[in-house]
């Protein structure tokens, strides 16, 4: 039987969005993010990160740079709260540099891949991020979503948030997930 999961964006949701992050030493967890992930872990929720990384297509970072940053995020989360991310999926493309793809959010390919590989039910899952494109896949699958209204949320996404559940942090979003999923 497929399980529900928490699909989280990375930049602006778990870590500070510094655009095209390639140096692992510049990873900065957002306040309460590791503890929020730990709460999901403790409640038995698989935590899946899905992130657009167009800096790879733009030539601003390499796959190796991305992987070093990913490993640093995992380590900081584990060290600070004993939390873990169950899997991370990334899109290295940008249509202006590498052509159209199906994996760039709000595309659903990476979510479908994660669901298949980890026996997850996308309809029973939650989608959290700081941009509409991060939570739109939840609309497609019939899941539930929380749009974070944080420093990195674009004005256009804030304006489009009227019909969406919103939160001021990942911790607040996890409060909704855990309260409404009992």
Protein backbone atom coordinates (compact mmCIF):
# COMPACT_ATOMS: atom_id res chain seq x y z
CA UNK A 1 0.00 0.00 0.00
CA UNK A 2 1.42 3.37 -1.03
CA UNK A 3 2.33 5.82 1.74
CA UNK A 4 1.72 9.52 2.08
CA UNK A 5 4.76 11.79 1.98
CA UNK A 6 5.82 15.37 2.55
CA UNK A 7 7.25 16.80 -0.67
CA UNK A 8 9.40 19.80 0.22
CA UNK A 9 11.18 22.38 -1.87
CA UNK A 10 14.78 23.05 -0.80
CA UNK A 11 15.82 26.69 -1.41
CA UNK A 12 13.62 29.10 0.53
CA UNK A 13 11.90 26.24 2.36
CA UNK A 14 14.65 24.28 4.15
CA UNK A 15 17.67 26.48 3.48
CA UNK A 16 18.12 30.16 2.73
CA UNK A 17 17.69 30.84 -0.99
CA UNK A 18 20.99 32.34 -2.14
CA UNK A 19 20.48 31.59 -5.86
CA UNK A 20 22.71 29.09 -7.62
CA UNK A 21 24.27 27.75 -4.44
CA UNK A 22 27.45 25.86 -5.24
CA UNK A 23 29.53 26.18 -2.06
CA UNK A 24 28.51 23.76 0.71
CA UNK A 25 29.97 26.14 3.31
CA UNK A 26 27.29 28.70 2.38
CA UNK A 27 24.38 26.39 3.28
CA UNK A 28 22.25 28.07 5.93
CA UNK A 29 19.30 26.23 7.43
CA UNK A 30 16.19 28.31 7.91
CA UNK A 31 15.10 28.63 11.54
CA UNK A 32 13.20 25.57 12.73
CA UNK A 33 13.52 23.68 9.43
CA UNK A 34 15.55 20.75 10.75
CA UNK A 35 13.25 20.36 13.74
CA UNK A 36 10.20 20.46 11.46
CA UNK A 37 11.68 17.68 9.32
CA UNK A 38 12.42 15.68 12.47
CA UNK A 39 8.78 16.02 13.51
CA UNK A 40 7.75 14.58 10.13
CA UNK A 41 10.30 11.76 10.57
CA UNK A 42 8.98 10.98 14.04
CA UNK A 43 5.41 10.87 12.74
CA UNK A 44 6.43 8.36 10.05
CA UNK A 45 6.22 10.71 7.07
CA UNK A 46 8.75 10.14 4.28
CA UNK A 47 10.38 13.48 3.48
CA UNK A 48 11.13 13.96 -0.21
CA UNK A 49 12.88 17.07 -1.50
CA UNK A 50 12.16 18.17 -5.07
CA UNK A 51 14.21 21.11 -6.29
CA UNK A 52 14.82 23.03 -9.51
CA UNK A 53 18.52 23.65 -10.04
CA UNK A 54 18.69 25.63 -13.27
CA UNK A 55 22.16 26.89 -12.34
CA UNK A 56 23.46 23.59 -13.71
CA UNK A 57 21.99 24.27 -17.18
CA UNK A 58 23.18 27.88 -16.95
CA UNK A 59 26.76 26.72 -16.26
CA UNK A 60 26.83 28.41 -12.84
CA UNK A 61 27.34 25.16 -10.95
CA UNK A 62 28.08 21.56 -11.80
CA UNK A 63 26.31 18.35 -10.84
CA UNK A 64 29.22 17.78 -8.43
CA UNK A 65 28.66 21.21 -6.85
CA UNK A 66 24.96 20.39 -6.47
CA UNK A 67 25.74 17.01 -4.91
CA UNK A 68 28.17 18.52 -2.39
CA UNK A 69 25.53 21.05 -1.34
CA UNK A 70 22.90 18.29 -1.10
CA UNK A 71 25.15 16.24 1.15
CA UNK A 72 25.85 19.30 3.32
CA UNK A 73 22.12 19.97 3.72
CA UNK A 74 21.58 16.35 4.77
CA UNK A 75 24.46 16.52 7.26
CA UNK A 76 23.36 19.80 8.85
CA UNK A 77 19.80 18.53 9.24
CA UNK A 78 21.03 15.32 10.83
CA UNK A 79 23.55 17.07 13.09
CA UNK A 80 21.20 19.80 14.29
CA UNK A 81 18.03 17.78 14.90
CA UNK A 82 18.68 14.12 14.18
CA UNK A 83 16.42 14.51 11.14
CA UNK A 84 16.70 12.96 7.71
CA UNK A 85 15.55 13.57 4.18
CA UNK A 86 14.50 10.25 2.67
CA UNK A 87 15.25 11.21 -0.94
CA UNK A 88 16.11 14.23 -3.06
CA UNK A 89 15.19 14.75 -6.70
CA UNK A 90 16.46 17.66 -8.76
CA UNK A 91 15.88 19.16 -12.18
CA UNK A 92 19.13 20.50 -13.70
CA UNK A 93 17.39 22.07 -16.70
CA UNK A 94 16.20 25.48 -17.81
CA UNK A 95 14.19 25.87 -21.03
CA UNK A 96 16.31 28.80 -22.24
CA UNK A 97 19.54 26.82 -21.88
CA UNK A 98 18.76 23.13 -22.21
CA UNK A 99 15.33 23.03 -23.83
CA UNK A 100 12.00 21.94 -22.43
CA UNK A 101 11.83 19.09 -19.94
CA UNK A 102 9.16 17.31 -17.92
CA UNK A 103 11.01 17.47 -14.61
CA UNK A 104 11.22 21.23 -14.03
CA UNK A 105 8.65 22.31 -11.47
CA UNK A 106 5.75 22.81 -11.77
CA UNK A 107 6.17 19.69 -13.91
CA UNK A 108 5.26 16.45 -12.18
CA UNK A 109 7.86 13.99 -13.46
CA UNK A 110 10.11 14.09 -10.38
CA UNK A 111 7.10 13.66 -8.08
CA UNK A 112 5.86 10.69 -10.13
CA UNK A 113 9.38 9.21 -10.10
CA UNK A 114 9.58 9.61 -6.30
CA UNK A 115 6.14 8.06 -5.85
CA UNK A 116 7.09 5.05 -7.96
CA UNK A 117 10.56 4.57 -6.44
CA UNK A 118 9.44 4.97 -2.82
CA UNK A 119 5.91 3.52 -2.97
CA UNK A 120 4.23 6.86 -2.22
CA UNK A 121 0.68 8.05 -2.79
CA UNK A 122 0.88 11.55 -4.33
CA UNK A 123 -2.85 12.14 -3.70
CA UNK A 124 -2.45 11.54 0.05
CA UNK A 125 0.72 13.65 0.20
CA UNK A 126 1.48 17.27 1.09
CA UNK A 127 3.48 19.74 -1.01
CA UNK A 128 5.36 22.62 0.63
CA UNK A 129 7.44 25.39 -0.91
CA UNK A 130 8.02 29.11 -1.20
CA UNK A 131 6.72 29.41 -4.77
CA UNK A 132 3.52 28.44 -6.55
CA UNK A 133 5.51 26.11 -8.81
CA UNK A 134 6.54 24.12 -5.71
CA UNK A 135 2.98 23.45 -4.60
CA UNK A 136 1.22 23.25 -8.01
CA UNK A 137 2.09 19.54 -8.41
CA UNK A 138 -0.13 18.94 -5.38
CA UNK A 139 -3.02 20.43 -7.36
CA UNK A 140 -2.32 18.02 -10.22
CA UNK A 141 -2.24 14.95 -7.98
CA UNK A 142 -5.12 16.05 -5.74
CA UNK A 143 -2.84 16.35 -2.71
CA UNK A 144 -2.70 19.17 -0.20
CA UNK A 145 -0.27 22.04 -0.17
CA UNK A 146 1.13 24.88 1.88
CA UNK A 147 2.71 27.91 0.23
CA UNK A 148 5.34 29.52 2.43
CA UNK A 149 5.19 33.30 2.48
CA UNK A 150 8.84 34.03 3.21
CA UNK A 151 11.52 36.45 2.01
CA UNK A 152 12.13 34.46 -1.19
CA UNK A 153 8.45 34.23 -2.21
CA UNK A 154 7.95 36.37 -5.35
CA UNK A 155 5.30 39.11 -5.24
CA UNK A 156 3.34 37.44 -8.04
CA UNK A 157 3.14 34.23 -6.00
CA UNK A 158 2.03 36.17 -2.94
CA UNK A 159 -0.74 37.76 -5.00
CA UNK A 160 -1.84 34.31 -6.24
CA UNK A 161 -1.88 32.89 -2.71
CA UNK A 162 -5.41 34.06 -1.85
CA UNK A 163 -6.93 30.63 -2.53
CA UNK A 164 -4.12 28.64 -0.94
CA UNK A 165 -3.15 27.60 2.53
CA UNK A 166 -0.11 29.62 3.57
CA UNK A 167 2.43 29.53 6.37
CA UNK A 168 5.32 31.70 7.53
CA UNK A 169 7.78 28.80 7.90
CA UNK A 170 8.29 25.11 7.31
CA UNK A 171 7.62 24.58 11.02
CA UNK A 172 4.18 26.18 10.70
CA UNK A 173 3.46 24.13 7.56
CA UNK A 174 4.36 20.95 9.45
CA UNK A 175 1.95 22.00 12.20
CA UNK A 176 -0.83 21.95 9.55
CA UNK A 177 0.31 18.64 8.08
CA UNK A 178 0.45 16.83 11.40
CA UNK A 179 -2.78 18.35 12.76
CA UNK A 180 -4.81 17.61 9.66
CA UNK A 181 -3.46 14.15 8.95
CA UNK A 182 -4.42 12.35 12.11
